[in-house]
Amino acid sequence: MLRGARERLSPILMTSVAAGRARMPLVVGGDVPGHEIEHPMAVVILGGLLTSTLLNLFVMPTLYLHLARRPLSIRIPRRAQ
């Protein structure tokens, strides 16, 4: 589990940082005339990017570790015959 998290850390961060840096000029220069629609959209995209990165880095590994401790029979209910 930890090896997988280490291997995924670099690609997740590189993708998030690259996409975030591409949106930064729109977020910072939001008061420029003509960008009334692009500024709020860039803020929402940047917030979603930050949220999804944090979920991928912290919440998903925690869920995997929590679910891996349970036996398979508890996670998947049997069908009634």
N, C-alpha and C. Protein backbone atom coordinates (compact mmCIF):
# COMPACT_ATOMS: atom_id res chain seq x y z
N MET A 1 0.83 -1.19 0.00
CA MET A 1 0.00 0.00 0.00
C MET A 1 0.87 1.26 0.00
N LEU A 2 1.88 1.27 0.84
CA LEU A 2 2.74 2.45 0.91
C LEU A 2 3.58 2.62 -0.35
N ARG A 3 4.01 1.52 -0.94
CA ARG A 3 4.78 1.61 -2.19
C ARG A 3 3.91 2.19 -3.30
N GLY A 4 2.67 1.77 -3.37
CA GLY A 4 1.75 2.30 -4.37
C GLY A 4 1.48 3.78 -4.17
N ALA A 5 1.37 4.19 -2.92
CA ALA A 5 1.15 5.61 -2.63
C ALA A 5 2.37 6.44 -3.03
N ARG A 6 3.56 5.92 -2.78
CA ARG A 6 4.78 6.64 -3.18
C ARG A 6 4.89 6.74 -4.70
N GLU A 7 4.51 5.67 -5.39
CA GLU A 7 4.60 5.68 -6.85
C GLU A 7 3.59 6.64 -7.48
N ARG A 8 2.44 6.80 -6.87
CA ARG A 8 1.40 7.67 -7.42
C ARG A 8 1.57 9.12 -7.01
N LEU A 9 2.39 9.40 -6.01
CA LEU A 9 2.55 10.76 -5.51
C LEU A 9 3.07 11.70 -6.58
N SER A 10 4.12 11.32 -7.25
CA SER A 10 4.73 12.20 -8.25
C SER A 10 3.80 12.50 -9.43
N PRO A 11 3.16 11.51 -10.06
CA PRO A 11 2.25 11.84 -11.17
C PRO A 11 1.07 12.70 -10.76
N ILE A 12 0.51 12.44 -9.59
CA ILE A 12 -0.63 13.24 -9.13
C ILE A 12 -0.21 14.68 -8.90
N LEU A 13 0.90 14.88 -8.23
CA LEU A 13 1.36 16.25 -7.96
C LEU A 13 1.78 16.97 -9.23
N MET A 14 2.45 16.28 -10.15
CA MET A 14 2.88 16.94 -11.39
C MET A 14 1.68 17.38 -12.22
N THR A 15 0.67 16.53 -12.32
CA THR A 15 -0.52 16.89 -13.07
C THR A 15 -1.26 18.05 -12.43
N SER A 16 -1.40 18.01 -11.13
CA SER A 16 -2.13 19.06 -10.42
C SER A 16 -1.41 20.39 -10.49
N VAL A 17 -0.10 20.36 -10.30
CA VAL A 17 0.67 21.61 -10.34
C VAL A 17 0.66 22.21 -11.73
N ALA A 18 0.78 21.39 -12.76
CA ALA A 18 0.77 21.90 -14.13
C ALA A 18 -0.58 22.52 -14.48
N ALA A 19 -1.65 21.84 -14.12
CA ALA A 19 -2.98 22.39 -14.41
C ALA A 19 -3.26 23.63 -13.57
N GLY A 20 -2.81 23.64 -12.32
CA GLY A 20 -3.01 24.81 -11.47
C GLY A 20 -2.25 26.02 -11.94
N ARG A 21 -1.02 25.80 -12.40
CA ARG A 21 -0.22 26.92 -12.91
C ARG A 21 -0.81 27.49 -14.19
N ALA A 22 -1.46 26.66 -14.97
CA ALA A 22 -2.08 27.14 -16.20
C ALA A 22 -3.29 28.02 -15.90
N ARG A 23 -3.95 27.79 -14.77
CA ARG A 23 -5.14 28.57 -14.40
C ARG A 23 -4.80 29.83 -13.59
N MET A 24 -3.60 29.91 -13.06
CA MET A 24 -3.24 31.03 -12.18
C MET A 24 -3.38 32.41 -12.83
N PRO A 25 -2.98 32.63 -14.07
CA PRO A 25 -3.16 33.97 -14.65
C PRO A 25 -4.62 34.40 -14.69
N LEU A 26 -5.52 33.45 -14.92
CA LEU A 26 -6.94 33.80 -14.93
C LEU A 26 -7.46 34.10 -13.53
N VAL A 27 -6.95 33.40 -12.53
CA VAL A 27 -7.39 33.63 -11.16
C VAL A 27 -6.85 34.95 -10.63
N VAL A 28 -5.58 35.23 -10.87
CA VAL A 28 -4.95 36.44 -10.35
C VAL A 28 -5.47 37.68 -11.08
N GLY A 29 -5.59 37.61 -12.38
CA GLY A 29 -6.02 38.76 -13.16
C GLY A 29 -7.51 38.78 -13.40
N GLY A 30 -8.29 38.55 -12.38
CA GLY A 30 -9.73 38.46 -12.53
C GLY A 30 -10.45 39.77 -12.76
N ASP A 31 -9.82 40.89 -12.45
CA ASP A 31 -10.48 42.19 -12.60
C ASP A 31 -10.32 42.80 -13.99
N VAL A 32 -9.67 42.09 -14.88
CA VAL A 32 -9.43 42.60 -16.24
C VAL A 32 -10.75 42.56 -17.02
N PRO A 33 -11.11 43.66 -17.68
CA PRO A 33 -12.34 43.64 -18.48
C PRO A 33 -12.27 42.57 -19.58
N GLY A 34 -13.36 41.89 -19.78
CA GLY A 34 -13.42 40.83 -20.77
C GLY A 34 -13.25 39.44 -20.19
N HIS A 35 -12.88 39.36 -18.92
CA HIS A 35 -12.68 38.07 -18.27
C HIS A 35 -13.73 37.81 -17.19
N GLU A 36 -14.91 38.37 -17.38
CA GLU A 36 -15.96 38.23 -16.36
C GLU A 36 -16.43 36.79 -16.22
N ILE A 37 -16.36 36.02 -17.29
CA ILE A 37 -16.81 34.62 -17.23
C ILE A 37 -15.64 33.70 -16.91
N GLU A 38 -14.47 34.00 -17.45
CA GLU A 38 -13.32 33.13 -17.27
C GLU A 38 -12.80 33.11 -15.83
N HIS A 39 -12.85 34.23 -15.14
CA HIS A 39 -12.32 34.29 -13.77
C HIS A 39 -13.07 33.36 -12.81
N PRO A 40 -14.41 33.46 -12.71
CA PRO A 40 -15.10 32.54 -11.79
C PRO A 40 -14.92 31.07 -12.19
N MET A 41 -14.88 30.80 -13.49
CA MET A 41 -14.69 29.43 -13.95
C MET A 41 -13.30 28.92 -13.54
N ALA A 42 -12.28 29.76 -13.67
CA ALA A 42 -10.93 29.36 -13.28
C ALA A 42 -10.83 29.12 -11.78
N VAL A 43 -11.53 29.92 -10.99
CA VAL A 43 -11.52 29.73 -9.53
C VAL A 43 -12.17 28.40 -9.17
N VAL A 44 -13.28 28.08 -9.81
CA VAL A 44 -13.97 26.81 -9.54
C VAL A 44 -13.10 25.63 -9.97
N ILE A 45 -12.48 25.73 -11.13
CA ILE A 45 -11.62 24.64 -11.61
C ILE A 45 -10.43 24.46 -10.68
N LEU A 46 -9.83 25.54 -10.24
CA LEU A 46 -8.69 25.46 -9.32
C LEU A 46 -9.11 24.85 -7.97
N GLY A 47 -10.28 25.23 -7.47
CA GLY A 47 -10.78 24.64 -6.23
C GLY A 47 -11.06 23.15 -6.37
N GLY A 48 -11.64 22.76 -7.49
CA GLY A 48 -11.89 21.33 -7.73
C GLY A 48 -10.61 20.55 -7.89
N LEU A 49 -9.63 21.15 -8.51
CA LEU A 49 -8.34 20.51 -8.67
C LEU A 49 -7.66 20.30 -7.33
N LEU A 50 -7.72 21.31 -6.48
CA LEU A 50 -7.14 21.19 -5.14
C LEU A 50 -7.87 20.12 -4.33
N THR A 51 -9.19 20.13 -4.40
CA THR A 51 -9.97 19.15 -3.65
C THR A 51 -9.69 17.73 -4.13
N SER A 52 -9.67 17.52 -5.43
CA SER A 52 -9.44 16.16 -5.94
C SER A 52 -8.01 15.69 -5.63
N THR A 53 -7.05 16.61 -5.65
CA THR A 53 -5.68 16.23 -5.30
C THR A 53 -5.60 15.79 -3.85
N LEU A 54 -6.21 16.55 -2.96
CA LEU A 54 -6.20 16.18 -1.54
C LEU A 54 -6.92 14.86 -1.30
N LEU A 55 -8.03 14.64 -2.01
CA LEU A 55 -8.73 13.36 -1.87
C LEU A 55 -7.87 12.20 -2.35
N ASN A 56 -7.20 12.38 -3.48
CA ASN A 56 -6.35 11.32 -4.01
C ASN A 56 -5.14 11.03 -3.14
N LEU A 57 -4.60 12.06 -2.50
CA LEU A 57 -3.39 11.87 -1.71
C LEU A 57 -3.66 11.38 -0.30
N PHE A 58 -4.79 11.76 0.29
CA PHE A 58 -5.02 11.44 1.70
C PHE A 58 -6.23 10.54 1.96
N VAL A 59 -7.35 10.82 1.34
CA VAL A 59 -8.58 10.08 1.67
C VAL A 59 -8.59 8.69 1.03
N MET A 60 -8.22 8.59 -0.25
CA MET A 60 -8.25 7.29 -0.92
C MET A 60 -7.33 6.26 -0.28
N PRO A 61 -6.07 6.59 0.02
CA PRO A 61 -5.23 5.59 0.70
C PRO A 61 -5.78 5.18 2.06
N THR A 62 -6.38 6.13 2.77
CA THR A 62 -6.97 5.80 4.07
C THR A 62 -8.14 4.84 3.90
N LEU A 63 -8.98 5.07 2.91
CA LEU A 63 -10.09 4.16 2.65
C LEU A 63 -9.60 2.78 2.24
N TYR A 64 -8.57 2.73 1.40
CA TYR A 64 -8.02 1.43 1.00
C TYR A 64 -7.49 0.67 2.21
N LEU A 65 -6.76 1.35 3.08
CA LEU A 65 -6.24 0.66 4.26
C LEU A 65 -7.36 0.20 5.18
N HIS A 66 -8.39 1.01 5.33
CA HIS A 66 -9.50 0.66 6.20
C HIS A 66 -10.28 -0.53 5.64
N LEU A 67 -10.53 -0.53 4.34
CA LEU A 67 -11.29 -1.63 3.75
C LEU A 67 -10.46 -2.89 3.60
N ALA A 68 -9.16 -2.77 3.50
CA ALA A 68 -8.31 -3.95 3.36
C ALA A 68 -8.23 -4.76 4.64
N ARG A 69 -8.52 -4.16 5.76
CA ARG A 69 -8.47 -4.87 7.04
C ARG A 69 -9.68 -5.76 7.26
N ARG A 70 -10.79 -5.45 6.60
CA ARG A 70 -11.99 -6.26 6.77
C ARG A 70 -11.91 -7.52 5.93
N PRO A 71 -12.48 -8.61 6.43
CA PRO A 71 -12.56 -9.81 5.59
C PRO A 71 -13.51 -9.57 4.41
N LEU A 72 -13.28 -10.27 3.34
CA LEU A 72 -14.08 -10.08 2.13
C LEU A 72 -15.55 -10.42 2.36
N SER A 73 -15.86 -11.39 3.22
CA SER A 73 -17.23 -11.79 3.44
C SER A 73 -18.05 -10.68 4.10
N ILE A 74 -17.42 -9.79 4.83
CA ILE A 74 -18.15 -8.68 5.48
C ILE A 74 -18.46 -7.60 4.46
N ARG A 75 -17.57 -7.37 3.52
CA ARG A 75 -17.76 -6.31 2.54
C ARG A 75 -18.78 -6.66 1.46
N ILE A 76 -18.86 -7.95 1.08
CA ILE A 76 -19.76 -8.35 0.01
C ILE A 76 -20.82 -9.27 0.60
N PRO A 77 -22.07 -8.77 0.68
CA PRO A 77 -23.12 -9.62 1.24
C PRO A 77 -23.47 -10.76 0.28
N ARG A 78 -23.84 -11.89 0.85
CA ARG A 78 -24.23 -13.06 0.04
C ARG A 78 -25.65 -12.88 -0.47
N ARG A 79 -25.91 -13.44 -1.62
CA ARG A 79 -27.26 -13.43 -2.17
C ARG A 79 -28.10 -14.52 -1.52
N ALA A 80 -29.36 -14.18 -1.32
CA ALA A 80 -30.30 -15.18 -0.77
C ALA A 80 -30.62 -16.19 -1.86
N GLN A 81 -30.64 -17.46 -1.47
CA GLN A 81 -30.94 -18.50 -2.48
C GLN A 81 -32.32 -19.04 -2.33
